[in-house]
Amino acid sequence: KYTNTEIRIIKTIYIFGSPLTTYAIANYTGYSYTTIRKYLRRLYNKKRLHRKKKGKSIYWWLRSR
């Protein structure tokens, strides 16, 4: 259902415990910004994440299940 990259992103956001920017998620996971952006969009489309734009940054956090 989820790729290893998606699982790593979900775990990172969960462990951090508050919304993170795309850049911060890329930084914490060690993936490139472009890769993270692609997988964040996939997770958003799978209804796994919320997002909110603030200025030029997009913040991401987990949806409750």
N, C-alpha and C. Protein backbone atom coordinates (compact mmCIF):
# COMPACT_ATOMS: atom_id res chain seq x y z
N LYS A 1 0.82 -1.20 0.00
CA LYS A 1 0.00 0.00 0.00
C LYS A 1 0.86 1.26 0.00
N TYR A 2 1.88 1.31 0.86
CA TYR A 2 2.78 2.47 0.91
C TYR A 2 4.19 2.05 0.54
N THR A 3 4.91 2.95 -0.15
CA THR A 3 6.30 2.68 -0.49
C THR A 3 7.17 2.94 0.74
N ASN A 4 8.42 2.48 0.69
CA ASN A 4 9.35 2.73 1.80
C ASN A 4 9.55 4.23 2.02
N THR A 5 9.59 4.99 0.95
CA THR A 5 9.75 6.44 1.06
C THR A 5 8.55 7.05 1.76
N GLU A 6 7.35 6.62 1.40
CA GLU A 6 6.14 7.14 2.04
C GLU A 6 6.11 6.80 3.53
N ILE A 7 6.50 5.59 3.86
CA ILE A 7 6.54 5.17 5.27
C ILE A 7 7.54 6.03 6.05
N ARG A 8 8.68 6.28 5.45
CA ARG A 8 9.70 7.11 6.11
C ARG A 8 9.18 8.54 6.35
N ILE A 9 8.46 9.07 5.38
CA ILE A 9 7.88 10.41 5.52
C ILE A 9 6.84 10.42 6.65
N ILE A 10 5.95 9.44 6.65
CA ILE A 10 4.90 9.35 7.69
C ILE A 10 5.53 9.25 9.07
N LYS A 11 6.54 8.39 9.21
CA LYS A 11 7.22 8.23 10.50
C LYS A 11 7.89 9.52 10.95
N THR A 12 8.52 10.22 10.03
CA THR A 12 9.20 11.48 10.35
C THR A 12 8.21 12.52 10.87
N ILE A 13 7.09 12.67 10.18
CA ILE A 13 6.08 13.64 10.61
C ILE A 13 5.49 13.22 11.96
N TYR A 14 5.24 11.94 12.11
CA TYR A 14 4.67 11.42 13.37
C TYR A 14 5.61 11.67 14.55
N ILE A 15 6.87 11.33 14.38
CA ILE A 15 7.85 11.50 15.45
C ILE A 15 8.03 12.98 15.81
N PHE A 16 8.04 13.84 14.80
CA PHE A 16 8.24 15.26 15.07
C PHE A 16 7.05 15.84 15.85
N GLY A 17 5.85 15.39 15.54
CA GLY A 17 4.67 15.75 16.32
C GLY A 17 4.01 17.08 16.00
N SER A 18 4.50 17.78 15.01
CA SER A 18 3.84 19.03 14.59
C SER A 18 4.08 19.23 13.10
N PRO A 19 3.31 20.13 12.46
CA PRO A 19 3.47 20.32 11.02
C PRO A 19 4.91 20.66 10.62
N LEU A 20 5.32 20.09 9.50
CA LEU A 20 6.67 20.33 8.97
C LEU A 20 6.58 20.86 7.54
N THR A 21 7.54 21.67 7.16
CA THR A 21 7.60 22.15 5.77
C THR A 21 8.17 21.04 4.88
N THR A 22 7.94 21.20 3.60
CA THR A 22 8.50 20.26 2.62
C THR A 22 10.02 20.20 2.77
N TYR A 23 10.64 21.35 2.91
CA TYR A 23 12.10 21.43 3.05
C TYR A 23 12.57 20.69 4.31
N ALA A 24 11.87 20.89 5.43
CA ALA A 24 12.25 20.23 6.69
C ALA A 24 12.14 18.71 6.56
N ILE A 25 11.08 18.25 5.92
CA ILE A 25 10.89 16.80 5.74
C ILE A 25 12.02 16.24 4.88
N ALA A 26 12.38 16.95 3.82
CA ALA A 26 13.50 16.51 2.97
C ALA A 26 14.77 16.45 3.80
N ASN A 27 14.99 17.45 4.62
CA ASN A 27 16.17 17.52 5.46
C ASN A 27 16.24 16.34 6.45
N TYR A 28 15.15 16.10 7.15
CA TYR A 28 15.11 15.04 8.17
C TYR A 28 15.19 13.63 7.59
N THR A 29 14.65 13.44 6.38
CA THR A 29 14.64 12.09 5.78
C THR A 29 15.88 11.81 4.95
N GLY A 30 16.56 12.87 4.51
CA GLY A 30 17.75 12.68 3.68
C GLY A 30 17.45 12.55 2.19
N TYR A 31 16.18 12.70 1.82
CA TYR A 31 15.81 12.67 0.40
C TYR A 31 15.89 14.08 -0.18
N SER A 32 15.94 14.17 -1.50
CA SER A 32 15.99 15.48 -2.14
C SER A 32 14.62 16.16 -2.02
N TYR A 33 14.64 17.48 -2.14
CA TYR A 33 13.41 18.27 -2.08
C TYR A 33 12.41 17.80 -3.14
N THR A 34 12.90 17.57 -4.34
CA THR A 34 12.04 17.15 -5.45
C THR A 34 11.37 15.81 -5.18
N THR A 35 12.13 14.86 -4.65
CA THR A 35 11.59 13.54 -4.33
C THR A 35 10.53 13.66 -3.24
N ILE A 36 10.84 14.40 -2.20
CA ILE A 36 9.89 14.56 -1.09
C ILE A 36 8.61 15.22 -1.56
N ARG A 37 8.73 16.24 -2.38
CA ARG A 37 7.55 16.94 -2.91
C ARG A 37 6.64 15.97 -3.65
N LYS A 38 7.23 15.09 -4.46
CA LYS A 38 6.45 14.10 -5.21
C LYS A 38 5.69 13.16 -4.27
N TYR A 39 6.39 12.64 -3.26
CA TYR A 39 5.76 11.68 -2.35
C TYR A 39 4.76 12.35 -1.41
N LEU A 40 4.99 13.60 -1.03
CA LEU A 40 4.02 14.31 -0.21
C LEU A 40 2.71 14.49 -0.97
N ARG A 41 2.82 14.81 -2.24
CA ARG A 41 1.60 14.94 -3.06
C ARG A 41 0.85 13.61 -3.14
N ARG A 42 1.59 12.53 -3.31
CA ARG A 42 0.96 11.20 -3.35
C ARG A 42 0.23 10.90 -2.05
N LEU A 43 0.90 11.15 -0.93
CA LEU A 43 0.28 10.90 0.38
C LEU A 43 -0.93 11.81 0.60
N TYR A 44 -0.86 13.02 0.12
CA TYR A 44 -2.00 13.94 0.21
C TYR A 44 -3.18 13.40 -0.61
N ASN A 45 -2.89 12.92 -1.80
CA ASN A 45 -3.94 12.37 -2.67
C ASN A 45 -4.53 11.08 -2.10
N LYS A 46 -3.75 10.35 -1.31
CA LYS A 46 -4.23 9.13 -0.64
C LYS A 46 -4.97 9.47 0.66
N LYS A 47 -5.18 10.77 0.90
CA LYS A 47 -5.88 11.25 2.10
C LYS A 47 -5.14 10.92 3.39
N ARG A 48 -3.81 10.88 3.35
CA ARG A 48 -2.99 10.55 4.52
C ARG A 48 -2.44 11.79 5.21
N LEU A 49 -2.38 12.91 4.45
CA LEU A 49 -1.81 14.15 5.00
C LEU A 49 -2.74 15.34 4.79
N HIS A 50 -2.60 16.33 5.68
CA HIS A 50 -3.18 17.66 5.50
C HIS A 50 -2.04 18.56 5.04
N ARG A 51 -2.41 19.67 4.41
CA ARG A 51 -1.38 20.65 4.05
C ARG A 51 -1.96 22.06 4.15
N LYS A 52 -1.07 22.99 4.42
CA LYS A 52 -1.47 24.40 4.49
C LYS A 52 -0.30 25.25 4.02
N LYS A 53 -0.60 26.17 3.14
CA LYS A 53 0.44 27.06 2.62
C LYS A 53 0.54 28.30 3.50
N LYS A 54 1.77 28.64 3.89
CA LYS A 54 2.05 29.86 4.64
C LYS A 54 3.19 30.56 3.95
N GLY A 55 2.90 31.68 3.32
CA GLY A 55 3.94 32.36 2.54
C GLY A 55 4.36 31.47 1.38
N LYS A 56 5.65 31.22 1.29
CA LYS A 56 6.15 30.35 0.22
C LYS A 56 6.26 28.89 0.66
N SER A 57 6.04 28.62 1.95
CA SER A 57 6.20 27.26 2.48
C SER A 57 4.87 26.53 2.55
N ILE A 58 4.94 25.21 2.38
CA ILE A 58 3.78 24.35 2.59
C ILE A 58 4.08 23.49 3.81
N TYR A 59 3.16 23.51 4.76
CA TYR A 59 3.28 22.71 5.98
C TYR A 59 2.42 21.46 5.84
N TRP A 60 2.96 20.34 6.29
CA TRP A 60 2.30 19.04 6.19
C TRP A 60 2.15 18.42 7.56
N TRP A 61 1.01 17.75 7.80
CA TRP A 61 0.82 16.98 9.03
C TRP A 61 -0.12 15.83 8.74
N LEU A 62 -0.09 14.85 9.64
CA LEU A 62 -0.86 13.62 9.43
C LEU A 62 -2.35 13.83 9.68
N ARG A 63 -3.15 13.14 8.90
CA ARG A 63 -4.60 13.11 9.16
C ARG A 63 -4.85 12.12 10.26
N SER A 64 -5.85 12.38 11.08
CA SER A 64 -6.25 11.41 12.10
C SER A 64 -6.98 10.27 11.40
N ARG A 65 -6.86 9.09 11.96
CA ARG A 65 -7.56 7.96 11.34
C ARG A 65 -8.75 7.57 12.13
